[in-house]
Amino acid sequence: YGGQDPGAVDITVQHGAYEETGSPS
């Protein structure tokens, strides 16, 4: 990634993310 740290972006997103509610359907 040209020296980019993808994990740093990942963690940033996680800290402000929503998540879908689970369902068997």
PDB file of all heavy atoms in Angstrom:
ATOM      1  N   TYR A   1       0.823  -1.209   0.000  1.00  0.00           N
ATOM      2  CA  TYR A   1       0.000   0.000   0.000  1.00  0.00           C
ATOM      3  C   TYR A   1       0.858   1.260   0.000  1.00  0.00           C
ATOM      4  O   TYR A   1       0.471   2.290   0.550  1.00  0.00           O
ATOM      5  CB  TYR A   1      -0.944  -0.007   1.197  1.00  0.00           C
ATOM      6  CG  TYR A   1      -1.871  -1.197   1.178  1.00  0.00           C
ATOM      7  CD1 TYR A   1      -1.639  -2.304   1.991  1.00  0.00           C
ATOM      8  CD2 TYR A   1      -2.946  -1.255   0.307  1.00  0.00           C
ATOM      9  CE1 TYR A   1      -2.459  -3.417   1.949  1.00  0.00           C
ATOM     10  CE2 TYR A   1      -3.780  -2.368   0.244  1.00  0.00           C
ATOM     11  CZ  TYR A   1      -3.523  -3.448   1.071  1.00  0.00           C
ATOM     12  OH  TYR A   1      -4.336  -4.557   1.014  1.00  0.00           O
ATOM     13  N   GLY A   2       2.021   1.158  -0.612  1.00  0.00           N
ATOM     14  CA  GLY A   2       2.900   2.314  -0.702  1.00  0.00           C
ATOM     15  C   GLY A   2       3.382   2.800   0.646  1.00  0.00           C
ATOM     16  O   GLY A   2       3.621   4.002   0.826  1.00  0.00           O
ATOM     17  N   GLY A   3       3.505   1.880   1.609  1.00  0.00           N
ATOM     18  CA  GLY A   3       3.940   2.248   2.956  1.00  0.00           C
ATOM     19  C   GLY A   3       2.807   2.643   3.870  1.00  0.00           C
ATOM     20  O   GLY A   3       3.034   3.020   5.029  1.00  0.00           O
ATOM     21  N   GLN A   4       1.595   2.556   3.390  1.00  0.00           N
ATOM     22  CA  GLN A   4       0.425   2.906   4.201  1.00  0.00           C
ATOM     23  C   GLN A   4       0.149   1.806   5.224  1.00  0.00           C
ATOM     24  O   GLN A   4       0.448   0.629   5.013  1.00  0.00           O
ATOM     25  CB  GLN A   4      -0.782   3.082   3.284  1.00  0.00           C
ATOM     26  CG  GLN A   4      -1.974   3.767   3.916  1.00  0.00           C
ATOM     27  CD  GLN A   4      -3.105   3.962   2.911  1.00  0.00           C
ATOM     28  OE1 GLN A   4      -3.066   3.435   1.803  1.00  0.00           O
ATOM     29  NE2 GLN A   4      -4.110   4.728   3.309  1.00  0.00           N
ATOM     30  N   ASP A   5      -0.424   2.191   6.353  1.00  0.00           N
ATOM     31  CA  ASP A   5      -0.782   1.252   7.416  1.00  0.00           C
ATOM     32  C   ASP A   5      -2.289   1.027   7.369  1.00  0.00           C
ATOM     33  O   ASP A   5      -3.060   1.826   7.906  1.00  0.00           O
ATOM     34  CB  ASP A   5      -0.367   1.837   8.774  1.00  0.00           C
ATOM     35  CG  ASP A   5      -0.718   0.942   9.951  1.00  0.00           C
ATOM     36  OD1 ASP A   5      -1.414  -0.064   9.757  1.00  0.00           O
ATOM     37  OD2 ASP A   5      -0.292   1.261  11.087  1.00  0.00           O
ATOM     38  N   PRO A   6      -2.759  -0.055   6.748  1.00  0.00           N
ATOM     39  CA  PRO A   6      -4.214  -0.261   6.646  1.00  0.00           C
ATOM     40  C   PRO A   6      -4.873  -0.474   7.994  1.00  0.00           C
ATOM     41  O   PRO A   6      -6.032  -0.121   8.180  1.00  0.00           O
ATOM     42  CB  PRO A   6      -4.334  -1.504   5.752  1.00  0.00           C
ATOM     43  CG  PRO A   6      -3.010  -2.150   5.766  1.00  0.00           C
ATOM     44  CD  PRO A   6      -1.998  -1.094   6.043  1.00  0.00           C
ATOM     45  N   GLY A   7      -4.142  -1.065   8.956  1.00  0.00           N
ATOM     46  CA  GLY A   7      -4.715  -1.298  10.273  1.00  0.00           C
ATOM     47  C   GLY A   7      -5.076  -0.015  10.997  1.00  0.00           C
ATOM     48  O   GLY A   7      -6.034   0.024  11.767  1.00  0.00           O
ATOM     49  N   ALA A   8      -4.303   1.037  10.761  1.00  0.00           N
ATOM     50  CA  ALA A   8      -4.600   2.325  11.401  1.00  0.00           C
ATOM     51  C   ALA A   8      -5.932   2.872  10.906  1.00  0.00           C
ATOM     52  O   ALA A   8      -6.722   3.433  11.677  1.00  0.00           O
ATOM     53  CB  ALA A   8      -3.472   3.315  11.124  1.00  0.00           C
ATOM     54  N   VAL A   9      -6.193   2.714   9.606  1.00  0.00           N
ATOM     55  CA  VAL A   9      -7.477   3.135   9.056  1.00  0.00           C
ATOM     56  C   VAL A   9      -8.594   2.271   9.638  1.00  0.00           C
ATOM     57  O   VAL A   9      -9.658   2.769  10.028  1.00  0.00           O
ATOM     58  CB  VAL A   9      -7.465   3.016   7.514  1.00  0.00           C
ATOM     59  CG1 VAL A   9      -8.812   3.468   6.936  1.00  0.00           C
ATOM     60  CG2 VAL A   9      -6.331   3.845   6.920  1.00  0.00           C
ATOM     61  N   ASP A  10      -8.339   0.973   9.710  1.00  0.00           N
ATOM     62  CA  ASP A  10      -9.317   0.019  10.232  1.00  0.00           C
ATOM     63  C   ASP A  10      -9.758   0.401  11.646  1.00  0.00           C
ATOM     64  O   ASP A  10     -10.953   0.463  11.951  1.00  0.00           O
ATOM     65  CB  ASP A  10      -8.688  -1.376  10.225  1.00  0.00           C
ATOM     66  CG  ASP A  10      -9.693  -2.494  10.351  1.00  0.00           C
ATOM     67  OD1 ASP A  10     -10.636  -2.357  11.152  1.00  0.00           O
ATOM     68  OD2 ASP A  10      -9.536  -3.517   9.670  1.00  0.00           O
ATOM     69  N   ILE A  11      -8.808   0.642  12.516  1.00  0.00           N
ATOM     70  CA  ILE A  11      -9.132   0.968  13.906  1.00  0.00           C
ATOM     71  C   ILE A  11      -9.910   2.280  13.992  1.00  0.00           C
ATOM     72  O   ILE A  11     -10.857   2.409  14.785  1.00  0.00           O
ATOM     73  CB  ILE A  11      -7.849   1.024  14.754  1.00  0.00           C
ATOM     74  CG1 ILE A  11      -7.269  -0.385  14.908  1.00  0.00           C
ATOM     75  CG2 ILE A  11      -8.131   1.619  16.139  1.00  0.00           C
ATOM     76  CD1 ILE A  11      -5.937  -0.433  15.625  1.00  0.00           C
ATOM     77  N   THR A  12      -9.526   3.250  13.174  1.00  0.00           N
ATOM     78  CA  THR A  12     -10.256   4.524  13.160  1.00  0.00           C
ATOM     79  C   THR A  12     -11.719   4.308  12.812  1.00  0.00           C
ATOM     80  O   THR A  12     -12.622   4.881  13.436  1.00  0.00           O
ATOM     81  CB  THR A  12      -9.618   5.491  12.149  1.00  0.00           C
ATOM     82  OG1 THR A  12      -8.269   5.756  12.528  1.00  0.00           O
ATOM     83  CG2 THR A  12     -10.383   6.800  12.078  1.00  0.00           C
ATOM     84  N   VAL A  13     -11.965   3.473  11.810  1.00  0.00           N
ATOM     85  CA  VAL A  13     -13.342   3.191  11.400  1.00  0.00           C
ATOM     86  C   VAL A  13     -14.096   2.475  12.518  1.00  0.00           C
ATOM     87  O   VAL A  13     -15.229   2.824  12.852  1.00  0.00           O
ATOM     88  CB  VAL A  13     -13.358   2.343  10.111  1.00  0.00           C
ATOM     89  CG1 VAL A  13     -14.784   1.891   9.790  1.00  0.00           C
ATOM     90  CG2 VAL A  13     -12.791   3.129   8.948  1.00  0.00           C
ATOM     91  N   GLN A  14     -13.463   1.481  13.124  1.00  0.00           N
ATOM     92  CA  GLN A  14     -14.128   0.725  14.195  1.00  0.00           C
ATOM     93  C   GLN A  14     -14.606   1.618  15.321  1.00  0.00           C
ATOM     94  O   GLN A  14     -15.682   1.398  15.882  1.00  0.00           O
ATOM     95  CB  GLN A  14     -13.165  -0.318  14.767  1.00  0.00           C
ATOM     96  CG  GLN A  14     -12.946  -1.527  13.903  1.00  0.00           C
ATOM     97  CD  GLN A  14     -12.066  -2.523  14.618  1.00  0.00           C
ATOM     98  OE1 GLN A  14     -12.359  -2.935  15.731  1.00  0.00           O
ATOM     99  NE2 GLN A  14     -10.980  -2.885  13.973  1.00  0.00           N
ATOM    100  N   HIS A  15     -13.816   2.614  15.662  1.00  0.00           N
ATOM    101  CA  HIS A  15     -14.161   3.454  16.807  1.00  0.00           C
ATOM    102  C   HIS A  15     -15.405   4.298  16.577  1.00  0.00           C
ATOM    103  O   HIS A  15     -16.018   4.760  17.542  1.00  0.00           O
ATOM    104  CB  HIS A  15     -12.971   4.360  17.169  1.00  0.00           C
ATOM    105  CG  HIS A  15     -11.969   3.703  18.065  1.00  0.00           C
ATOM    106  ND1 HIS A  15     -12.284   3.202  19.311  1.00  0.00           N
ATOM    107  CD2 HIS A  15     -10.654   3.449  17.888  1.00  0.00           C
ATOM    108  CE1 HIS A  15     -11.215   2.686  19.868  1.00  0.00           C
ATOM    109  NE2 HIS A  15     -10.203   2.804  19.028  1.00  0.00           N
ATOM    110  N   GLY A  16     -15.789   4.502  15.333  1.00  0.00           N
ATOM    111  CA  GLY A  16     -16.979   5.308  15.089  1.00  0.00           C
ATOM    112  C   GLY A  16     -18.055   4.577  14.331  1.00  0.00           C
ATOM    113  O   GLY A  16     -18.981   5.204  13.817  1.00  0.00           O
ATOM    114  N   ALA A  17     -17.941   3.248  14.235  1.00  0.00           N
ATOM    115  CA  ALA A  17     -18.832   2.494  13.361  1.00  0.00           C
ATOM    116  C   ALA A  17     -20.105   2.040  14.055  1.00  0.00           C
ATOM    117  O   ALA A  17     -20.156   1.870  15.264  1.00  0.00           O
ATOM    118  CB  ALA A  17     -18.097   1.275  12.805  1.00  0.00           C
ATOM    119  N   TYR A  18     -21.130   1.842  13.234  1.00  0.00           N
ATOM    120  CA  TYR A  18     -22.339   1.142  13.644  1.00  0.00           C
ATOM    121  C   TYR A  18     -22.184  -0.307  13.231  1.00  0.00           C
ATOM    122  O   TYR A  18     -21.321  -0.652  12.415  1.00  0.00           O
ATOM    123  CB  TYR A  18     -23.571   1.714  12.943  1.00  0.00           C
ATOM    124  CG  TYR A  18     -23.841   3.165  13.199  1.00  0.00           C
ATOM    125  CD1 TYR A  18     -23.433   4.138  12.297  1.00  0.00           C
ATOM    126  CD2 TYR A  18     -24.525   3.566  14.344  1.00  0.00           C
ATOM    127  CE1 TYR A  18     -23.688   5.481  12.509  1.00  0.00           C
ATOM    128  CE2 TYR A  18     -24.794   4.903  14.570  1.00  0.00           C
ATOM    129  CZ  TYR A  18     -24.370   5.852  13.660  1.00  0.00           C
ATOM    130  OH  TYR A  18     -24.631   7.176  13.887  1.00  0.00           O
ATOM    131  N   GLU A  19     -23.055  -1.177  13.731  1.00  0.00           N
ATOM    132  CA  GLU A  19     -23.048  -2.556  13.253  1.00  0.00           C
ATOM    133  C   GLU A  19     -24.485  -3.007  13.018  1.00  0.00           C
ATOM    134  O   GLU A  19     -25.413  -2.512  13.642  1.00  0.00           O
ATOM    135  CB  GLU A  19     -22.319  -3.486  14.225  1.00  0.00           C
ATOM    136  CG  GLU A  19     -23.180  -4.229  15.223  1.00  0.00           C
ATOM    137  CD  GLU A  19     -23.821  -3.298  16.237  1.00  0.00           C
ATOM    138  OE1 GLU A  19     -23.320  -2.167  16.419  1.00  0.00           O
ATOM    139  OE2 GLU A  19     -24.826  -3.704  16.842  1.00  0.00           O
ATOM    140  N   GLU A  20     -24.645  -3.926  12.085  1.00  0.00           N
ATOM    141  CA  GLU A  20     -25.965  -4.462  11.789  1.00  0.00           C
ATOM    142  C   GLU A  20     -26.419  -5.390  12.906  1.00  0.00           C
ATOM    143  O   GLU A  20     -25.615  -6.126  13.476  1.00  0.00           O
ATOM    144  CB  GLU A  20     -25.915  -5.226  10.463  1.00  0.00           C
ATOM    145  CG  GLU A  20     -27.189  -5.945  10.094  1.00  0.00           C
ATOM    146  CD  GLU A  20     -28.365  -5.024   9.929  1.00  0.00           C
ATOM    147  OE1 GLU A  20     -28.451  -4.325   8.913  1.00  0.00           O
ATOM    148  OE2 GLU A  20     -29.197  -4.993  10.852  1.00  0.00           O
ATOM    149  N   THR A  21     -27.699  -5.349  13.245  1.00  0.00           N
ATOM    150  CA  THR A  21     -28.255  -6.272  14.227  1.00  0.00           C
ATOM    151  C   THR A  21     -28.423  -7.639  13.582  1.00  0.00           C
ATOM    152  O   THR A  21     -28.874  -7.751  12.450  1.00  0.00           O
ATOM    153  CB  THR A  21     -29.621  -5.766  14.727  1.00  0.00           C
ATOM    154  OG1 THR A  21     -29.447  -4.476  15.300  1.00  0.00           O
ATOM    155  CG2 THR A  21     -30.194  -6.715  15.766  1.00  0.00           C
ATOM    156  N   GLY A  22     -28.050  -8.684  14.294  1.00  0.00           N
ATOM    157  CA  GLY A  22     -28.119 -10.031  13.743  1.00  0.00           C
ATOM    158  C   GLY A  22     -29.531 -10.591  13.740  1.00  0.00           C
ATOM    159  O   GLY A  22     -30.400 -10.160  14.493  1.00  0.00           O
ATOM    160  N   SER A  23     -29.752 -11.569  12.869  1.00  0.00           N
ATOM    161  CA  SER A  23     -31.037 -12.251  12.790  1.00  0.00           C
ATOM    162  C   SER A  23     -30.865 -13.568  12.051  1.00  0.00           C
ATOM    163  O   SER A  23     -30.129 -13.630  11.065  1.00  0.00           O
ATOM    164  CB  SER A  23     -32.057 -11.387  12.048  1.00  0.00           C
ATOM    165  OG  SER A  23     -33.245 -12.119  11.788  1.00  0.00           O
ATOM    166  N   PRO A  24     -31.541 -14.630  12.491  1.00  0.00           N
ATOM    167  CA  PRO A  24     -31.480 -15.898  11.757  1.00  0.00           C
ATOM    168  C   PRO A  24     -32.014 -15.793  10.329  1.00  0.00           C
ATOM    169  O   PRO A  24     -31.696 -16.611   9.478  1.00  0.00           O
ATOM    170  CB  PRO A  24     -32.360 -16.833  12.598  1.00  0.00           C
ATOM    171  CG  PRO A  24     -32.352 -16.247  13.967  1.00  0.00           C
ATOM    172  CD  PRO A  24     -32.301 -14.756  13.745  1.00  0.00           C
ATOM    173  N   SER A  25     -32.842 -14.766  10.062  1.00  0.00           N
ATOM    174  CA  SER A  25     -33.411 -14.621   8.722  1.00  0.00           C
ATOM    175  C   SER A  25     -32.572 -13.701   7.838  1.00  0.00           C
ATOM    176  O   SER A  25     -33.018 -13.301   6.759  1.00  0.00           O
ATOM    177  CB  SER A  25     -34.843 -14.078   8.810  1.00  0.00           C
ATOM    178  OG  SER A  25     -34.874 -12.804   9.415  1.00  0.00           O
TER     179      SER A  25
END
